[in-house]
Amino acid sequence: MYDFAIIGGGIVGLSIGMKLSQTYPEASILILEKENQWAAHQTGNNSGVIHSGIYYKPGSFKAKFSRDGCRSMVEFCQEHNIDHEVCGKVIVATDSSELPRLENLYQRGLENNIEVKRIGPEEVKEFEPHVNSVGGIYVASTGIVNYKQVCFKYAQIIAEGGGDLRLNTKVQKILTRGNSQILETNNGTFEANFIVNCAGLYSDRVAKLGHVNPQAKIVPFRGEYYELTPEKRYLVKGLIYPVPNPDFPFLGVHFTRMIDGSVHAGPNAVLSLKREGYKKSDFNLRDFTEVMAYPGFWKLAAKHADEGIKEIIRSFSKAAFVQSLQKLIPEVQAQDVVPTHAGVRAQALMRDGKLVDDFLIVQGQNSIHVCNAPSPAATSSLEIGKAIVERIKEQSPLQPVLS
């Protein structure tokens, strides 16, 4: 019998496990991950950005957790000697029609208590000499890191605290027996007093295994990236983002310098035909038919038909993808970029076609289900861990030793 069992070994699940081990050092903690390594999916295939929180609705979990997480993640990396860099980023308008939206974003940054600075085209050039713009915002607190390294450190801390970490262990059934939860897996049966579902791309299905309806379905979107060739990396010094379209759920194609020095360009966002579909050819019948039969998807598709078609064209046309990059850096040519790995975003979608635009945390019987935690969840992982443990304190009979 374990005091706590966490389903999912991505950055959110491991952060919660670490915080639990620090708060309840005498508790028995179990982490179950179906893959053969930690951070195998969203965490290990993201852009590696430490987000500032500028984009998110004031007062939302995303706004608060990413703003505070931006600081706590940097402090964690400093404490544990994890490679990172607070490089800042520029968000630029490439056309005068985007300037009102840029100003709105600046004001949102102020509302979220983020240090933001308006900059003109010449100042943009000081940060990013090759960028085309009519104005921009500089966000000094944004950084870069390898989130897999962060996850490995979380896991190490849990193990050192006596936690039981199990890879290659997929939860297949959840039963309630009195006040405890029985987890049947491909690798044995486990019993716990309290479970936390951090299953990412499968969080909605795991919630239903635990008799909880999250009122939303995970729809997978593949983010497709190109990478600048080594001889063209000089074109990007840090992070370069466009002004996002507030009516579209994705940030748009941008340039990201990774912690290893490579520069990624993207992502293009298209529906994935498999929840873990990192290639265009990946297909899973159950995943596909679930999305096709879901009314919310068709309502979303109808609302964003124009942008969706552009994303699909960029997915199959390198020329179209490069054209979108040239809005930010005109010098970029097709021969300057090569395809690189993709990521899949687990996006919760309501039946009415509205995207769940905040982290979705659902309470169950002796359980908590994190049912929407895409970006900026990696940045926010330490803060999400704190928040989940605070909720657990309200229900657990165990006495915490760490406030």
Protein backbone atom coordinates (compact mmCIF):
# COMPACT_ATOMS: atom_id res chain seq x y z
CA MET A 1 0.00 0.00 0.00
CA TYR A 2 1.36 3.37 -1.07
CA ASP A 3 0.31 6.71 0.38
CA PHE A 4 0.49 8.36 -3.04
CA ALA A 5 0.64 7.05 -6.62
CA ILE A 6 1.31 9.32 -9.58
CA ILE A 7 0.40 8.20 -13.08
CA GLY A 8 2.74 9.75 -15.65
CA GLY A 9 6.48 10.41 -15.63
CA GLY A 10 6.56 13.71 -17.46
CA ILE A 11 7.68 16.95 -15.89
CA VAL A 12 4.37 17.64 -14.12
CA GLY A 13 4.05 14.17 -12.57
CA LEU A 14 7.66 14.16 -11.44
CA SER A 15 7.40 17.68 -10.01
CA ILE A 16 4.36 16.65 -7.96
CA GLY A 17 6.19 13.52 -6.81
CA MET A 18 9.20 15.57 -5.75
CA LYS A 19 7.06 18.08 -3.85
CA LEU A 20 5.16 15.26 -2.13
CA SER A 21 8.44 13.61 -1.09
CA GLN A 22 9.61 16.91 0.41
CA THR A 23 6.30 17.66 2.11
CA TYR A 24 5.71 14.12 3.42
CA PRO A 25 9.20 12.59 3.76
CA GLU A 26 7.84 9.55 5.61
CA ALA A 27 5.18 8.85 2.96
CA SER A 28 5.46 6.03 0.42
CA ILE A 29 5.32 7.45 -3.10
CA LEU A 30 4.93 5.53 -6.36
CA ILE A 31 5.53 6.95 -9.86
CA LEU A 32 4.21 4.92 -12.81
CA GLU A 33 5.38 5.66 -16.36
CA LYS A 34 4.39 3.50 -19.33
CA GLU A 35 7.50 4.35 -21.39
CA ASN A 36 11.07 3.15 -20.78
CA GLN A 37 12.30 6.64 -19.88
CA TRP A 38 11.14 9.78 -18.15
CA ALA A 39 9.89 12.79 -20.16
CA ALA A 40 9.23 10.68 -23.25
CA HIS A 41 6.46 12.78 -24.79
CA GLN A 42 5.41 16.42 -24.33
CA THR A 43 8.23 17.24 -21.91
CA GLY A 44 10.97 15.71 -24.01
CA ASN A 45 9.80 17.11 -27.34
CA ASN A 46 9.07 20.75 -26.54
CA SER A 47 10.95 23.94 -27.37
CA GLY A 48 12.85 24.15 -24.09
CA VAL A 49 11.65 27.70 -23.39
CA ILE A 50 11.28 29.05 -19.87
CA HIS A 51 8.19 31.18 -20.48
CA SER A 52 7.58 34.55 -18.83
CA GLY A 53 3.78 34.33 -18.69
CA ILE A 54 3.09 37.35 -20.91
CA TYR A 55 0.48 35.65 -23.12
CA TYR A 56 -1.95 34.35 -20.54
CA LYS A 57 -5.17 35.75 -19.17
CA PRO A 58 -4.52 37.73 -15.97
CA GLY A 59 -5.61 35.76 -12.93
CA SER A 60 -5.43 32.40 -14.70
CA PHE A 61 -3.38 29.45 -13.50
CA LYS A 62 -1.20 29.79 -16.60
CA ALA A 63 -0.45 33.46 -15.93
CA LYS A 64 0.40 32.97 -12.27
CA PHE A 65 2.17 29.63 -12.51
CA SER A 66 4.33 30.59 -15.50
CA ARG A 67 5.29 33.97 -14.06
CA ASP A 68 6.29 32.41 -10.73
CA GLY A 69 7.61 29.29 -12.47
CA CYS A 70 9.91 31.37 -14.63
CA ARG A 71 11.72 32.40 -11.44
CA SER A 72 11.53 29.09 -9.60
CA MET A 73 12.73 27.10 -12.63
CA VAL A 74 15.81 29.32 -12.99
CA GLU A 75 16.51 29.01 -9.25
CA PHE A 76 16.15 25.21 -9.45
CA CYS A 77 18.57 25.04 -12.39
CA GLN A 78 21.07 27.24 -10.56
CA GLU A 79 20.82 25.11 -7.42
CA HIS A 80 21.35 21.84 -9.29
CA ASN A 81 23.80 23.02 -11.97
CA ILE A 82 21.42 22.35 -14.87
CA ASP A 83 22.36 24.08 -18.12
CA HIS A 84 20.09 27.06 -18.75
CA GLU A 85 20.25 30.63 -19.98
CA VAL A 86 18.06 33.65 -19.32
CA CYS A 87 18.43 35.07 -22.82
CA GLY A 88 15.26 37.16 -23.11
CA LYS A 89 13.05 37.27 -26.17
CA VAL A 90 11.63 39.72 -28.66
CA ILE A 91 8.04 39.66 -29.84
CA VAL A 92 7.80 41.63 -33.06
CA ALA A 93 5.18 43.13 -35.33
CA THR A 94 6.15 42.72 -38.97
CA ASP A 95 3.33 44.89 -40.29
CA SER A 96 1.72 48.08 -38.97
CA SER A 97 -1.65 46.30 -38.76
CA GLU A 98 -0.17 44.16 -35.94
CA LEU A 99 0.82 47.14 -33.77
CA PRO A 100 -2.52 47.35 -31.87
CA ARG A 101 -2.22 43.67 -30.97
CA LEU A 102 1.39 44.23 -29.91
CA GLU A 103 0.25 47.03 -27.61
CA ASN A 104 -2.47 44.82 -26.15
CA LEU A 105 0.16 42.17 -25.45
CA TYR A 106 2.38 44.77 -23.78
CA GLN A 107 -0.50 45.82 -21.52
CA ARG A 108 -1.20 42.18 -20.67
CA GLY A 109 2.41 41.77 -19.66
CA LEU A 110 2.06 44.71 -17.28
CA GLU A 111 -1.17 43.24 -15.86
CA ASN A 112 0.68 39.98 -15.22
CA ASN A 113 3.47 41.85 -13.39
CA ILE A 114 6.08 40.94 -15.96
CA GLU A 115 8.99 43.19 -16.85
CA VAL A 116 8.30 44.17 -20.46
CA LYS A 117 9.77 46.91 -22.59
CA ARG A 118 8.45 48.50 -25.78
CA ILE A 119 11.14 48.68 -28.45
CA GLY A 120 11.21 50.28 -31.88
CA PRO A 121 12.56 48.71 -35.08
CA GLU A 122 16.11 49.94 -34.44
CA GLU A 123 16.09 48.58 -30.89
CA VAL A 124 14.80 45.26 -32.20
CA LYS A 125 17.88 45.18 -34.46
CA GLU A 126 20.10 45.61 -31.40
CA PHE A 127 18.70 42.37 -29.98
CA GLU A 128 18.17 40.52 -33.27
CA PRO A 129 20.06 42.17 -36.16
CA HIS A 130 18.42 40.11 -38.92
CA VAL A 131 14.77 40.57 -37.90
CA ASN A 132 12.27 42.51 -39.96
CA SER A 133 9.89 44.53 -37.77
CA VAL A 134 7.94 47.75 -37.32
CA GLY A 135 8.13 47.47 -33.53
CA GLY A 136 8.43 44.98 -30.74
CA ILE A 137 8.43 44.03 -27.08
CA TYR A 138 11.44 42.80 -25.16
CA VAL A 139 10.80 40.30 -22.36
CA ALA A 140 13.98 39.95 -20.33
CA SER A 141 12.93 37.06 -18.07
CA THR A 142 12.41 34.44 -20.79
CA GLY A 143 15.02 31.69 -20.90
CA ILE A 144 15.96 28.31 -22.31
CA VAL A 145 16.72 24.95 -20.71
CA ASN A 146 16.73 21.22 -21.41
CA TYR A 147 13.60 20.01 -19.62
CA LYS A 148 14.69 16.38 -19.83
CA GLN A 149 17.62 17.24 -17.56
CA VAL A 150 15.19 18.93 -15.19
CA CYS A 151 13.03 15.78 -15.14
CA PHE A 152 15.97 13.51 -14.45
CA LYS A 153 16.86 15.69 -11.45
CA TYR A 154 13.26 15.58 -10.19
CA ALA A 155 13.33 11.78 -10.47
CA GLN A 156 16.68 11.59 -8.71
CA ILE A 157 15.38 13.65 -5.79
CA ILE A 158 12.29 11.41 -5.51
CA ALA A 159 14.46 8.28 -5.54
CA GLU A 160 16.81 9.72 -2.91
CA GLY A 161 13.75 10.37 -0.76
CA GLY A 162 12.76 6.72 -0.96
CA GLY A 163 10.21 6.97 -3.76
CA ASP A 164 9.42 3.94 -5.92
CA LEU A 165 9.84 4.83 -9.61
CA ARG A 166 8.54 2.33 -12.16
CA LEU A 167 9.15 2.60 -15.90
CA ASN A 168 7.49 0.33 -18.51
CA THR A 169 4.36 0.27 -16.33
CA LYS A 170 1.07 1.24 -17.97
CA VAL A 171 -2.09 1.72 -15.92
CA GLN A 172 -4.90 -0.28 -17.53
CA LYS A 173 -7.62 -0.22 -14.90
CA ILE A 174 -8.45 1.72 -11.73
CA LEU A 175 -10.70 0.23 -9.05
CA THR A 176 -11.93 1.79 -5.82
CA ARG A 177 -11.81 -0.42 -2.73
CA GLY A 178 -13.03 1.42 0.37
CA ASN A 179 -10.83 4.51 0.67
CA SER A 180 -8.03 3.13 -1.47
CA GLN A 181 -7.39 2.96 -5.20
CA ILE A 182 -6.29 -0.22 -6.96
CA LEU A 183 -4.13 0.34 -10.06
CA GLU A 184 -3.97 -2.63 -12.40
CA THR A 185 -1.06 -2.37 -14.82
CA ASN A 186 0.80 -4.48 -17.37
CA ASN A 187 3.48 -4.89 -14.72
CA GLY A 188 1.55 -5.79 -11.57
CA THR A 189 -1.18 -4.38 -9.33
CA PHE A 190 -0.61 -1.50 -6.93
CA GLU A 191 -2.73 -0.02 -4.16
CA ALA A 192 -2.64 3.60 -3.02
CA ASN A 193 -4.53 5.87 -0.68
CA PHE A 194 -4.41 8.76 -3.16
CA ILE A 195 -3.66 8.99 -6.88
CA VAL A 196 -2.62 11.89 -9.09
CA ASN A 197 -3.24 11.57 -12.82
CA CYS A 198 -0.59 13.34 -14.90
CA ALA A 199 -0.92 11.17 -17.99
CA GLY A 200 -0.66 14.03 -20.49
CA LEU A 201 -1.90 12.83 -23.87
CA TYR A 202 -3.98 10.17 -22.10
CA SER A 203 -5.09 12.20 -19.08
CA ASP A 204 -8.76 12.21 -20.12
CA ARG A 205 -8.82 8.43 -20.56
CA VAL A 206 -7.06 7.84 -17.24
CA ALA A 207 -9.53 10.18 -15.54
CA LYS A 208 -12.39 8.09 -16.88
CA LEU A 209 -10.65 4.92 -15.65
CA GLY A 210 -10.83 6.60 -12.24
CA HIS A 211 -14.56 7.36 -12.70
CA VAL A 212 -13.99 11.09 -13.24
CA ASN A 213 -15.40 12.99 -16.21
CA PRO A 214 -13.08 15.90 -17.11
CA GLN A 215 -15.80 17.43 -19.35
CA ALA A 216 -13.21 17.73 -22.13
CA LYS A 217 -11.38 15.49 -24.59
CA ILE A 218 -7.69 15.53 -25.40
CA VAL A 219 -7.14 16.37 -29.07
CA PRO A 220 -3.52 15.92 -30.20
CA PHE A 221 -1.88 18.62 -32.33
CA ARG A 222 1.51 17.91 -33.88
CA GLY A 223 3.99 20.75 -33.82
CA GLU A 224 6.34 20.42 -36.80
CA TYR A 225 9.74 22.10 -36.73
CA TYR A 226 12.60 22.90 -39.03
CA GLU A 227 16.13 23.60 -37.86
CA LEU A 228 18.57 26.19 -39.17
CA THR A 229 21.70 24.67 -40.67
CA PRO A 230 24.79 25.28 -38.50
CA GLU A 231 26.22 27.90 -40.84
CA LYS A 232 22.99 29.94 -40.60
CA ARG A 233 22.58 29.88 -36.82
CA TYR A 234 24.10 33.37 -36.65
CA LEU A 235 20.77 34.71 -37.92
CA VAL A 236 19.19 34.15 -34.49
CA LYS A 237 20.74 35.29 -31.21
CA GLY A 238 17.94 34.28 -28.83
CA LEU A 239 14.18 33.89 -29.13
CA ILE A 240 12.10 35.61 -31.82
CA TYR A 241 8.30 35.45 -31.76
CA PRO A 242 5.58 37.03 -33.91
CA VAL A 243 2.58 38.82 -32.46
CA PRO A 244 0.10 36.00 -31.82
CA ASN A 245 -3.37 36.00 -33.30
CA PRO A 246 -5.64 36.19 -30.21
CA ASP A 247 -8.36 34.26 -32.06
CA PHE A 248 -6.05 31.33 -32.85
CA PRO A 249 -4.87 28.96 -30.09
CA PHE A 250 -1.22 28.72 -31.17
CA LEU A 251 1.58 31.28 -30.98
CA GLY A 252 2.62 31.12 -34.61
CA VAL A 253 5.89 30.11 -36.23
CA HIS A 254 8.89 31.46 -34.33
CA PHE A 255 12.65 31.00 -33.88
CA THR A 256 14.07 29.37 -30.75
CA ARG A 257 17.73 29.03 -29.86
CA MET A 258 18.04 25.78 -27.92
CA ILE A 259 20.36 25.25 -24.97
CA ASP A 260 22.67 23.13 -27.18
CA GLY A 261 23.13 26.06 -29.59
CA SER A 262 20.89 24.76 -32.37
CA VAL A 263 18.07 26.97 -33.67
CA HIS A 264 14.59 25.57 -34.26
CA ALA A 265 11.97 27.24 -36.42
CA GLY A 266 8.31 26.46 -35.89
CA PRO A 267 6.06 24.96 -34.90
CA ASN A 268 3.52 24.40 -37.57
CA ALA A 269 0.42 23.03 -35.79
CA VAL A 270 -1.73 20.32 -37.39
CA LEU A 271 -4.10 17.68 -36.10
CA SER A 272 -2.26 14.48 -35.29
CA LEU A 273 -4.00 11.27 -36.33
CA LYS A 274 -2.49 9.50 -33.33
CA ARG A 275 -2.08 10.74 -29.77
CA GLU A 276 1.61 10.02 -29.97
CA GLY A 277 1.87 10.73 -33.68
CA TYR A 278 5.20 12.42 -34.24
CA LYS A 279 5.28 11.62 -37.96
CA LYS A 280 2.78 12.55 -40.67
CA SER A 281 2.29 8.85 -41.40
CA ASP A 282 1.43 7.91 -37.80
CA PHE A 283 -2.15 6.71 -37.45
CA ASN A 284 -4.23 5.09 -34.72
CA LEU A 285 -7.81 4.11 -35.52
CA ARG A 286 -9.17 4.65 -32.01
CA ASP A 287 -7.49 8.05 -31.63
CA PHE A 288 -8.64 9.17 -35.08
CA THR A 289 -12.25 8.04 -34.77
CA GLU A 290 -12.58 9.60 -31.30
CA VAL A 291 -11.64 12.99 -32.70
CA MET A 292 -13.77 12.62 -35.81
CA ALA A 293 -16.80 11.66 -33.72
CA TYR A 294 -16.33 14.52 -31.26
CA PRO A 295 -18.64 17.51 -31.92
CA GLY A 296 -16.18 19.90 -30.33
CA PHE A 297 -13.55 19.19 -32.97
CA TRP A 298 -15.82 20.09 -35.87
CA LYS A 299 -16.92 23.29 -34.17
CA LEU A 300 -13.28 24.22 -33.60
CA ALA A 301 -12.36 23.34 -37.19
CA ALA A 302 -15.18 25.47 -38.59
CA LYS A 303 -14.17 28.45 -36.46
CA HIS A 304 -10.51 28.31 -37.49
CA ALA A 305 -10.89 26.93 -41.02
CA ASP A 306 -8.75 29.61 -42.70
CA GLU A 307 -5.85 29.33 -40.27
CA GLY A 308 -6.17 25.54 -40.21
CA ILE A 309 -5.82 25.34 -43.99
CA LYS A 310 -2.68 27.51 -43.82
CA GLU A 311 -1.20 25.17 -41.21
CA ILE A 312 -1.92 22.12 -43.39
CA ILE A 313 -0.33 23.80 -46.43
CA ARG A 314 2.80 24.62 -44.40
CA SER A 315 2.88 21.01 -43.20
CA PHE A 316 3.23 19.69 -46.75
CA SER A 317 5.00 22.63 -48.41
CA LYS A 318 8.49 23.61 -47.32
CA ALA A 319 8.22 26.70 -49.52
CA ALA A 320 5.12 27.86 -47.62
CA PHE A 321 6.82 27.16 -44.30
CA VAL A 322 9.90 29.13 -45.32
CA GLN A 323 7.70 31.98 -46.50
CA SER A 324 6.23 32.24 -43.00
CA LEU A 325 9.76 32.32 -41.55
CA GLN A 326 10.76 35.09 -43.94
CA LYS A 327 8.18 37.41 -42.39
CA LEU A 328 10.46 37.46 -39.35
CA ILE A 329 13.88 36.97 -40.99
CA PRO A 330 13.82 37.79 -44.74
CA GLU A 331 17.30 36.31 -45.28
CA VAL A 332 16.17 32.75 -44.52
CA GLN A 333 16.08 30.57 -47.64
CA ALA A 334 14.81 27.03 -48.22
CA GLN A 335 18.34 25.59 -48.23
CA ASP A 336 18.96 27.13 -44.80
CA VAL A 337 16.49 24.88 -42.94
CA VAL A 338 16.15 21.13 -42.53
CA PRO A 339 13.35 19.12 -40.87
CA THR A 340 13.84 18.18 -37.23
CA HIS A 341 11.83 16.35 -34.58
CA ALA A 342 8.18 17.16 -33.95
CA GLY A 343 6.23 17.38 -30.73
CA VAL A 344 2.59 16.58 -29.92
CA ARG A 345 0.54 18.94 -27.79
CA ALA A 346 -2.18 17.41 -25.61
CA GLN A 347 -4.91 20.03 -25.94
CA ALA A 348 -8.17 19.65 -24.02
CA LEU A 349 -11.25 20.59 -26.06
CA MET A 350 -14.82 21.07 -24.83
CA ARG A 351 -17.88 19.67 -26.60
CA ASP A 352 -18.92 23.21 -27.59
CA GLY A 353 -15.68 23.65 -29.58
CA LYS A 354 -13.92 25.86 -27.04
CA LEU A 355 -10.33 25.06 -26.20
CA VAL A 356 -9.57 24.75 -22.52
CA ASP A 357 -7.19 27.70 -22.38
CA ASP A 358 -6.03 27.20 -18.79
CA PHE A 359 -4.61 24.29 -16.84
CA LEU A 360 -7.51 21.96 -16.01
CA ILE A 361 -7.30 20.28 -12.61
CA VAL A 362 -10.22 18.00 -11.69
CA GLN A 363 -10.95 16.54 -8.27
CA GLY A 364 -12.03 12.92 -7.83
CA GLN A 365 -12.47 10.54 -4.93
CA ASN A 366 -9.06 10.36 -3.28
CA SER A 367 -7.64 11.58 -6.57
CA ILE A 368 -6.62 14.64 -8.55
CA HIS A 369 -6.53 14.65 -12.34
CA VAL A 370 -4.39 17.11 -14.30
CA CYS A 371 -6.41 17.05 -17.52
CA ASN A 372 -4.97 19.97 -19.48
CA ALA A 373 -1.31 20.85 -19.05
CA PRO A 374 0.26 21.83 -22.37
CA SER A 375 2.73 24.72 -22.63
CA PRO A 376 3.67 26.47 -20.34
CA ALA A 377 3.39 23.44 -18.05
CA ALA A 378 7.13 22.71 -18.16
CA THR A 379 7.95 26.25 -17.04
CA SER A 380 5.18 26.01 -14.44
CA SER A 381 5.97 22.51 -13.21
CA LEU A 382 7.34 23.51 -9.80
CA GLU A 383 4.35 25.79 -9.21
CA ILE A 384 1.85 23.17 -10.37
CA GLY A 385 3.52 20.73 -7.99
CA LYS A 386 3.09 23.17 -5.10
CA ALA A 387 -0.55 23.83 -5.97
CA ILE A 388 -1.45 20.15 -6.26
CA VAL A 389 0.21 19.32 -2.95
CA GLU A 390 -1.71 22.15 -1.27
CA ARG A 391 -4.92 20.51 -2.50
CA ILE A 392 -3.75 17.14 -1.24
CA LYS A 393 -3.07 18.61 2.20
CA GLU A 394 -6.77 19.42 2.47
CA GLN A 395 -7.66 15.73 2.04
CA SER A 396 -4.75 13.69 3.32
CA PRO A 397 -4.67 12.59 6.97
CA LEU A 398 -0.86 12.64 6.80
CA GLN A 399 0.92 15.43 8.66
CA PRO A 400 3.11 17.57 6.35
CA VAL A 401 6.53 18.65 7.57
CA LEU A 402 7.10 21.24 4.84
CA SER A 403 4.75 24.16 4.42
